Amino acid sequence: MAKTGIAVGVNKGHVTTLREQKPRPVNRKGHLGKRVKFVREIIREVAGMAPYEKRIVELLKVGRDKRALKVAKNKLGTHLRGKRKREEIAGLIRKMKK
């Protein structure tokens, strides 16, 4: 909402024109770059999976999705990280089947 020039109310304050500000570098934070993605893929290929990830794979293969989430959650600390890991591994399984 635009300022009204009145000292009281929801839109109180001096009337000004809003400037378009250029995006700041902090808005890129956490964005996955090409090089980092490539390096992580190579490492995954060479090193393989951690033991807990192998366990999650086995659980997903037999259809124990909820148990796989619990294992991931206990290892990674939060529910959201656990869900993300479960989906990542499910994606790897789908790739292996093709």
Foldseek 3Di string as FASTA:
>chain_A
DFADCDCDDDRHDDGDDDDDDDDDPVVCPPPDDPVNVVVVVVCCVVVPDDPLLVVLLVCVVVPNLVVSLVSQCVVVPHSVRSVVSSVVSVVVVVVVVD
